[in-house]
Amino acid sequence: MENQQAYDRGTTIFSPDGRLYQVEYAREAVGQGAPVVGVRGDDAVVLAAAPDGGSPLVETDSIEKLHRVDDHLAVGTAGHAADARRLVDIARQTAQEERVRYEEPMPADALATALADHVQERTQSGGARPYGTALLVAGDGNGPMLVEVDPSGATREWRANALGNGAPNAQDYLEETYESGLDTGEAEKLAREALDAAAGDDHPTETVTVTATGATFAEQ
């Protein structure tokens, strides 16, 4: 334990076995957040989230888990809400700058890479901690795309993925039931079912369905 403490006080110091403890702690923060699920179909990407206020007195409408970034881009977050809000602001600014500069919408993978570059800087800059949040970037530019941004700054493209509390249960469900060729309705249904696997049956649900024509938000 003493050996670990010598390395986990700094955000930029590798332990002898090649670990960045602060990044691992950031991933633990992600795992404590309310769950979010993403499913990619043939014509759409669906994000589903279960806002959790921690009390029945909290207005769940005030908890943002799914965010519009541009007409064809949306982001789902898990982890520290304030960190997520900051990254969503950066995502919106980046997407708009891209649209103004090139007069065309920003692809989801390009946005994810830009966010990941910013997140990665926090793992090697003194005086700053890693972001305690992870993102699922959903978009439809040259076809539906679902990309994860990890607190380390790594990105991975997924057909279906889950983040946050209960994510392993949701991921198990997705791996058992996901099939290629999902239409939009089937992708929405699978995302909700996987969210139930993570959060149980009794929870508020918000979804966003991203297609080539735009992003549609819904609550239930």
C-alpha atoms as a PDB file:
ATOM      1  CA  MET A   1       0.000   0.000   0.000  1.00  0.00           C
ATOM      2  CA  GLU A   2       2.843   2.398   0.836  1.00  0.00           C
ATOM      3  CA  ASN A   3       4.384   1.702  -2.544  1.00  0.00           C
ATOM      4  CA  GLN A   4       1.108   2.556  -4.284  1.00  0.00           C
ATOM      5  CA  GLN A   5       0.675   5.772  -2.304  1.00  0.00           C
ATOM      6  CA  ALA A   6       4.031   6.960  -3.571  1.00  0.00           C
ATOM      7  CA  TYR A   7       2.602   7.022  -7.096  1.00  0.00           C
ATOM      8  CA  ASP A   8      -1.102   7.754  -6.761  1.00  0.00           C
ATOM      9  CA  ARG A   9      -0.610  11.275  -5.395  1.00  0.00           C
ATOM     10  CA  GLY A  10       0.594  12.506  -8.783  1.00  0.00           C
ATOM     11  CA  THR A  11      -1.571  12.570 -11.881  1.00  0.00           C
ATOM     12  CA  THR A  12       1.375  12.265 -14.250  1.00  0.00           C
ATOM     13  CA  ILE A  13       3.584   9.634 -12.600  1.00  0.00           C
ATOM     14  CA  PHE A  14       3.617   6.026 -13.763  1.00  0.00           C
ATOM     15  CA  SER A  15       3.961   3.314 -11.145  1.00  0.00           C
ATOM     16  CA  PRO A  16       6.732   0.734 -11.726  1.00  0.00           C
ATOM     17  CA  ASP A  17       4.148  -1.631 -13.250  1.00  0.00           C
ATOM     18  CA  GLY A  18       3.072   1.000 -15.780  1.00  0.00           C
ATOM     19  CA  ARG A  19      -0.155   2.208 -14.174  1.00  0.00           C
ATOM     20  CA  LEU A  20      -1.552   5.717 -13.775  1.00  0.00           C
ATOM     21  CA  TYR A  21      -3.537   5.379 -10.567  1.00  0.00           C
ATOM     22  CA  GLN A  22      -5.401   8.672 -10.971  1.00  0.00           C
ATOM     23  CA  VAL A  23      -6.763   7.502 -14.333  1.00  0.00           C
ATOM     24  CA  GLU A  24      -7.889   4.272 -12.710  1.00  0.00           C
ATOM     25  CA  TYR A  25      -9.613   6.261  -9.967  1.00  0.00           C
ATOM     26  CA  ALA A  26     -11.312   8.348 -12.660  1.00  0.00           C
ATOM     27  CA  ARG A  27     -12.667   5.141 -14.201  1.00  0.00           C
ATOM     28  CA  GLU A  28     -14.015   4.185 -10.771  1.00  0.00           C
ATOM     29  CA  ALA A  29     -15.856   7.523 -10.702  1.00  0.00           C
ATOM     30  CA  VAL A  30     -17.394   6.649 -14.069  1.00  0.00           C
ATOM     31  CA  GLY A  31     -18.548   3.326 -12.652  1.00  0.00           C
ATOM     32  CA  GLN A  32     -20.365   5.130  -9.822  1.00  0.00           C
ATOM     33  CA  GLY A  33     -22.392   7.305 -12.216  1.00  0.00           C
ATOM     34  CA  ALA A  34     -25.925   6.650 -13.439  1.00  0.00           C
ATOM     35  CA  PRO A  35     -25.815   4.303 -16.441  1.00  0.00           C
ATOM     36  CA  VAL A  36     -25.943   5.192 -20.121  1.00  0.00           C
ATOM     37  CA  VAL A  37     -26.275   2.701 -22.996  1.00  0.00           C
ATOM     38  CA  GLY A  38     -25.543   3.109 -26.698  1.00  0.00           C
ATOM     39  CA  VAL A  39     -26.693   0.870 -29.568  1.00  0.00           C
ATOM     40  CA  ARG A  40     -25.823   1.292 -33.235  1.00  0.00           C
ATOM     41  CA  GLY A  41     -28.338   0.136 -35.822  1.00  0.00           C
ATOM     42  CA  ASP A  42     -28.235   0.180 -39.598  1.00  0.00           C
ATOM     43  CA  ASP A  43     -29.840   3.621 -39.837  1.00  0.00           C
ATOM     44  CA  ALA A  44     -29.476   5.157 -36.384  1.00  0.00           C
ATOM     45  CA  VAL A  45     -27.572   5.292 -33.126  1.00  0.00           C
ATOM     46  CA  VAL A  46     -29.628   5.206 -29.929  1.00  0.00           C
ATOM     47  CA  LEU A  47     -28.475   6.412 -26.509  1.00  0.00           C
ATOM     48  CA  ALA A  48     -30.529   5.590 -23.415  1.00  0.00           C
ATOM     49  CA  ALA A  49     -29.877   6.863 -19.898  1.00  0.00           C
ATOM     50  CA  ALA A  50     -31.404   6.558 -16.434  1.00  0.00           C
ATOM     51  CA  PRO A  51     -31.095   9.890 -14.586  1.00  0.00           C
ATOM     52  CA  ASP A  52     -30.611   9.289 -10.859  1.00  0.00           C
ATOM     53  CA  GLY A  53     -31.093  12.208  -8.481  1.00  0.00           C
ATOM     54  CA  GLY A  54     -30.357  10.143  -5.374  1.00  0.00           C
ATOM     55  CA  SER A  55     -33.643  11.244  -3.806  1.00  0.00           C
ATOM     56  CA  PRO A  56     -37.329  11.098  -4.817  1.00  0.00           C
ATOM     57  CA  LEU A  57     -37.450  14.850  -4.160  1.00  0.00           C
ATOM     58  CA  VAL A  58     -35.025  15.646  -6.958  1.00  0.00           C
ATOM     59  CA  GLU A  59     -36.567  16.755 -10.251  1.00  0.00           C
ATOM     60  CA  THR A  60     -35.073  14.276 -12.711  1.00  0.00           C
ATOM     61  CA  ASP A  61     -35.614  16.770 -15.546  1.00  0.00           C
ATOM     62  CA  SER A  62     -32.797  18.806 -14.007  1.00  0.00           C
ATOM     63  CA  ILE A  63     -30.323  15.929 -14.453  1.00  0.00           C
ATOM     64  CA  GLU A  64     -28.744  15.888 -17.890  1.00  0.00           C
ATOM     65  CA  LYS A  65     -27.284  12.605 -19.120  1.00  0.00           C
ATOM     66  CA  LEU A  66     -27.883  12.992 -22.861  1.00  0.00           C
ATOM     67  CA  HIS A  67     -26.805  16.135 -24.687  1.00  0.00           C
ATOM     68  CA  ARG A  68     -27.340  17.543 -28.161  1.00  0.00           C
ATOM     69  CA  VAL A  69     -24.004  18.627 -29.642  1.00  0.00           C
ATOM     70  CA  ASP A  70     -25.098  19.408 -33.206  1.00  0.00           C
ATOM     71  CA  ASP A  71     -28.055  18.498 -35.408  1.00  0.00           C
ATOM     72  CA  HIS A  72     -26.540  15.069 -36.116  1.00  0.00           C
ATOM     73  CA  LEU A  73     -24.449  14.581 -32.952  1.00  0.00           C
ATOM     74  CA  ALA A  74     -25.334  13.648 -29.372  1.00  0.00           C
ATOM     75  CA  VAL A  75     -23.321  12.645 -26.319  1.00  0.00           C
ATOM     76  CA  GLY A  76     -24.187  10.410 -23.369  1.00  0.00           C
ATOM     77  CA  THR A  77     -22.190  10.776 -20.147  1.00  0.00           C
ATOM     78  CA  ALA A  78     -21.419   8.745 -17.035  1.00  0.00           C
ATOM     79  CA  GLY A  79     -19.413   9.919 -14.032  1.00  0.00           C
ATOM     80  CA  HIS A  80     -18.966  13.349 -12.458  1.00  0.00           C
ATOM     81  CA  ALA A  81     -21.715  15.612 -13.802  1.00  0.00           C
ATOM     82  CA  ALA A  82     -19.628  18.792 -13.641  1.00  0.00           C
ATOM     83  CA  ASP A  83     -16.777  17.191 -15.575  1.00  0.00           C
ATOM     84  CA  ALA A  84     -19.277  15.917 -18.135  1.00  0.00           C
ATOM     85  CA  ARG A  85     -20.796  19.386 -18.521  1.00  0.00           C
ATOM     86  CA  ARG A  86     -17.378  20.860 -19.275  1.00  0.00           C
ATOM     87  CA  LEU A  87     -16.628  18.233 -21.932  1.00  0.00           C
ATOM     88  CA  VAL A  88     -20.050  18.704 -23.528  1.00  0.00           C
ATOM     89  CA  ASP A  89     -19.358  22.448 -23.789  1.00  0.00           C
ATOM     90  CA  ILE A  90     -16.040  21.686 -25.492  1.00  0.00           C
ATOM     91  CA  ALA A  91     -17.780  19.225 -27.827  1.00  0.00           C
ATOM     92  CA  ARG A  92     -20.360  21.812 -28.873  1.00  0.00           C
ATOM     93  CA  GLN A  93     -17.738  24.467 -29.501  1.00  0.00           C
ATOM     94  CA  THR A  94     -15.558  22.048 -31.468  1.00  0.00           C
ATOM     95  CA  ALA A  95     -18.462  20.871 -33.635  1.00  0.00           C
ATOM     96  CA  GLN A  96     -19.551  24.418 -34.421  1.00  0.00           C
ATOM     97  CA  GLU A  97     -16.020  25.530 -35.274  1.00  0.00           C
ATOM     98  CA  GLU A  98     -15.754  22.592 -37.660  1.00  0.00           C
ATOM     99  CA  ARG A  99     -19.079  23.467 -39.293  1.00  0.00           C
ATOM    100  CA  VAL A 100     -18.093  27.115 -39.750  1.00  0.00           C
ATOM    101  CA  ARG A 101     -14.604  26.319 -41.014  1.00  0.00           C
ATOM    102  CA  TYR A 102     -15.492  23.564 -43.480  1.00  0.00           C
ATOM    103  CA  GLU A 103     -19.205  24.242 -44.073  1.00  0.00           C
ATOM    104  CA  GLU A 104     -20.095  20.646 -43.297  1.00  0.00           C
ATOM    105  CA  PRO A 105     -21.016  18.702 -40.148  1.00  0.00           C
ATOM    106  CA  MET A 106     -18.295  17.111 -38.052  1.00  0.00           C
ATOM    107  CA  PRO A 107     -18.155  13.279 -38.129  1.00  0.00           C
ATOM    108  CA  ALA A 108     -18.667  11.522 -34.809  1.00  0.00           C
ATOM    109  CA  ASP A 109     -15.248   9.866 -34.862  1.00  0.00           C
ATOM    110  CA  ALA A 110     -13.508  13.198 -35.520  1.00  0.00           C
ATOM    111  CA  LEU A 111     -15.355  14.795 -32.599  1.00  0.00           C
ATOM    112  CA  ALA A 112     -14.478  11.862 -30.335  1.00  0.00           C
ATOM    113  CA  THR A 113     -10.814  12.155 -31.293  1.00  0.00           C
ATOM    114  CA  ALA A 114     -10.796  15.900 -30.600  1.00  0.00           C
ATOM    115  CA  LEU A 115     -12.356  15.327 -27.169  1.00  0.00           C
ATOM    116  CA  ALA A 116      -9.978  12.460 -26.444  1.00  0.00           C
ATOM    117  CA  ASP A 117      -6.980  14.674 -27.250  1.00  0.00           C
ATOM    118  CA  HIS A 118      -8.191  17.189 -24.663  1.00  0.00           C
ATOM    119  CA  VAL A 119      -8.913  14.473 -22.085  1.00  0.00           C
ATOM    120  CA  GLN A 120      -5.508  12.876 -22.630  1.00  0.00           C
ATOM    121  CA  GLU A 121      -3.725  16.154 -21.857  1.00  0.00           C
ATOM    122  CA  ARG A 122      -5.121  15.904 -18.318  1.00  0.00           C
ATOM    123  CA  THR A 123      -3.131  12.703 -17.785  1.00  0.00           C
ATOM    124  CA  GLN A 124       0.252  14.348 -18.412  1.00  0.00           C
ATOM    125  CA  SER A 125      -0.171  17.932 -17.228  1.00  0.00           C
ATOM    126  CA  GLY A 126       0.902  18.947 -13.736  1.00  0.00           C
ATOM    127  CA  GLY A 127      -1.673  20.648 -11.543  1.00  0.00           C
ATOM    128  CA  ALA A 128      -4.675  19.068 -13.276  1.00  0.00           C
ATOM    129  CA  ARG A 129      -6.535  15.848 -12.551  1.00  0.00           C
ATOM    130  CA  PRO A 130      -8.076  13.496 -15.129  1.00  0.00           C
ATOM    131  CA  TYR A 131     -11.722  13.985 -16.003  1.00  0.00           C
ATOM    132  CA  GLY A 132     -13.930  11.740 -13.887  1.00  0.00           C
ATOM    133  CA  THR A 133     -16.342  11.047 -16.710  1.00  0.00           C
ATOM    134  CA  ALA A 134     -16.601   8.937 -19.854  1.00  0.00           C
ATOM    135  CA  LEU A 135     -18.592   9.722 -22.980  1.00  0.00           C
ATOM    136  CA  LEU A 136     -20.507   7.885 -25.664  1.00  0.00           C
ATOM    137  CA  VAL A 137     -20.474   9.973 -28.841  1.00  0.00           C
ATOM    138  CA  ALA A 138     -23.307   9.150 -31.249  1.00  0.00           C
ATOM    139  CA  GLY A 139     -23.519  10.561 -34.746  1.00  0.00           C
ATOM    140  CA  ASP A 140     -24.520  10.008 -38.309  1.00  0.00           C
ATOM    141  CA  GLY A 141     -22.314  11.655 -40.882  1.00  0.00           C
ATOM    142  CA  ASN A 142     -21.081   8.928 -43.196  1.00  0.00           C
ATOM    143  CA  GLY A 143     -23.283   6.334 -41.539  1.00  0.00           C
ATOM    144  CA  PRO A 144     -24.221   5.663 -37.894  1.00  0.00           C
ATOM    145  CA  MET A 145     -21.297   5.675 -35.477  1.00  0.00           C
ATOM    146  CA  LEU A 146     -20.910   5.094 -31.714  1.00  0.00           C
ATOM    147  CA  VAL A 147     -17.559   6.020 -30.123  1.00  0.00           C
ATOM    148  CA  GLU A 148     -16.472   5.843 -26.468  1.00  0.00           C
ATOM    149  CA  VAL A 149     -14.098   8.398 -24.930  1.00  0.00           C
ATOM    150  CA  ASP A 150     -12.341   7.000 -21.845  1.00  0.00           C
ATOM    151  CA  PRO A 151     -10.830   9.081 -18.976  1.00  0.00           C
ATOM    152  CA  SER A 152      -7.382   8.077 -20.257  1.00  0.00           C
ATOM    153  CA  GLY A 153      -8.059   9.757 -23.604  1.00  0.00           C
ATOM    154  CA  ALA A 154      -8.476   6.463 -25.459  1.00  0.00           C
ATOM    155  CA  THR A 155     -11.282   6.020 -27.991  1.00  0.00           C
ATOM    156  CA  ARG A 156     -13.051   2.883 -29.215  1.00  0.00           C
ATOM    157  CA  GLU A 157     -15.832   2.460 -31.728  1.00  0.00           C
ATOM    158  CA  TRP A 158     -18.640   0.148 -30.628  1.00  0.00           C
ATOM    159  CA  ARG A 159     -21.703  -1.554 -32.054  1.00  0.00           C
ATOM    160  CA  ALA A 160     -23.179  -1.423 -28.523  1.00  0.00           C
ATOM    161  CA  ASN A 161     -21.756  -0.338 -25.181  1.00  0.00           C
ATOM    162  CA  ALA A 162     -22.703   0.675 -21.653  1.00  0.00           C
ATOM    163  CA  LEU A 163     -21.083   2.986 -19.098  1.00  0.00           C
ATOM    164  CA  GLY A 164     -21.744   3.752 -15.444  1.00  0.00           C
ATOM    165  CA  ASN A 165     -23.237   1.875 -12.530  1.00  0.00           C
ATOM    166  CA  GLY A 166     -24.503  -1.555 -13.606  1.00  0.00           C
ATOM    167  CA  ALA A 167     -22.668  -1.360 -16.923  1.00  0.00           C
ATOM    168  CA  PRO A 168     -21.314  -4.938 -16.682  1.00  0.00           C
ATOM    169  CA  ASN A 169     -24.887  -6.269 -16.477  1.00  0.00           C
ATOM    170  CA  ALA A 170     -25.953  -4.144 -19.433  1.00  0.00           C
ATOM    171  CA  GLN A 171     -22.892  -5.178 -21.407  1.00  0.00           C
ATOM    172  CA  ASP A 172     -23.586  -8.852 -20.751  1.00  0.00           C
ATOM    173  CA  TYR A 173     -27.138  -8.368 -22.010  1.00  0.00           C
ATOM    174  CA  LEU A 174     -25.934  -6.553 -25.119  1.00  0.00           C
ATOM    175  CA  GLU A 175     -23.366  -9.231 -25.920  1.00  0.00           C
ATOM    176  CA  GLU A 176     -26.043 -11.929 -25.612  1.00  0.00           C
ATOM    177  CA  THR A 177     -28.756 -10.214 -27.649  1.00  0.00           C
ATOM    178  CA  TYR A 178     -27.155  -7.779 -30.105  1.00  0.00           C
ATOM    179  CA  GLU A 179     -27.506  -8.714 -33.762  1.00  0.00           C
ATOM    180  CA  SER A 180     -26.322  -6.869 -36.844  1.00  0.00           C
ATOM    181  CA  GLY A 181     -28.924  -5.325 -39.114  1.00  0.00           C
ATOM    182  CA  LEU A 182     -31.024  -3.658 -36.405  1.00  0.00           C
ATOM    183  CA  ASP A 183     -33.549  -1.139 -37.648  1.00  0.00           C
ATOM    184  CA  THR A 184     -34.219   2.034 -35.642  1.00  0.00           C
ATOM    185  CA  GLY A 185     -37.074   0.575 -33.614  1.00  0.00           C
ATOM    186  CA  GLU A 186     -35.102  -2.533 -32.733  1.00  0.00           C
ATOM    187  CA  ALA A 187     -32.087  -0.466 -31.688  1.00  0.00           C
ATOM    188  CA  GLU A 188     -34.284   1.679 -29.427  1.00  0.00           C
ATOM    189  CA  LYS A 189     -35.853  -1.418 -27.853  1.00  0.00           C
ATOM    190  CA  LEU A 190     -32.487  -3.058 -27.233  1.00  0.00           C
ATOM    191  CA  ALA A 191     -31.048   0.112 -25.676  1.00  0.00           C
ATOM    192  CA  ARG A 192     -33.974   0.339 -23.234  1.00  0.00           C
ATOM    193  CA  GLU A 193     -33.746  -3.351 -22.335  1.00  0.00           C
ATOM    194  CA  ALA A 194     -29.993  -3.083 -21.697  1.00  0.00           C
ATOM    195  CA  LEU A 195     -30.611  -0.014 -19.532  1.00  0.00           C
ATOM    196  CA  ASP A 196     -33.109  -2.037 -17.509  1.00  0.00           C
ATOM    197  CA  ALA A 197     -30.425  -4.690 -17.031  1.00  0.00           C
ATOM    198  CA  ALA A 198     -28.165  -2.013 -15.539  1.00  0.00           C
ATOM    199  CA  ALA A 199     -30.646   0.063 -13.529  1.00  0.00           C
ATOM    200  CA  GLY A 200     -33.593  -2.266 -12.864  1.00  0.00           C
ATOM    201  CA  ASP A 201     -37.144  -1.874 -14.118  1.00  0.00           C
ATOM    202  CA  ASP A 202     -38.264   1.119 -12.035  1.00  0.00           C
ATOM    203  CA  HIS A 203     -36.393   4.202 -13.244  1.00  0.00           C
ATOM    204  CA  PRO A 204     -36.930   7.238 -15.451  1.00  0.00           C
ATOM    205  CA  THR A 205     -35.573   6.797 -18.967  1.00  0.00           C
ATOM    206  CA  GLU A 206     -34.436   9.327 -21.514  1.00  0.00           C
ATOM    207  CA  THR A 207     -33.341   8.444 -25.027  1.00  0.00           C
ATOM    208  CA  VAL A 208     -31.935  10.139 -28.076  1.00  0.00           C
ATOM    209  CA  THR A 209     -32.088   8.616 -31.539  1.00  0.00           C
ATOM    210  CA  VAL A 210     -29.530  10.021 -33.977  1.00  0.00           C
ATOM    211  CA  THR A 211     -30.112   9.541 -37.699  1.00  0.00           C
ATOM    212  CA  ALA A 212     -28.924  11.246 -40.849  1.00  0.00           C
ATOM    213  CA  THR A 213     -31.834  13.688 -40.523  1.00  0.00           C
ATOM    214  CA  GLY A 214     -31.129  14.733 -36.928  1.00  0.00           C
ATOM    215  CA  ALA A 215     -31.343  13.817 -33.247  1.00  0.00           C
ATOM    216  CA  THR A 216     -34.694  13.095 -31.563  1.00  0.00           C
ATOM    217  CA  PHE A 217     -34.976  13.152 -27.764  1.00  0.00           C
ATOM    218  CA  ALA A 218     -37.674  11.351 -25.756  1.00  0.00           C
ATOM    219  CA  GLU A 219     -38.492  10.653 -22.106  1.00  0.00           C
ATOM    220  CA  GLN A 220     -40.607   8.077 -20.322  1.00  0.00           C
END
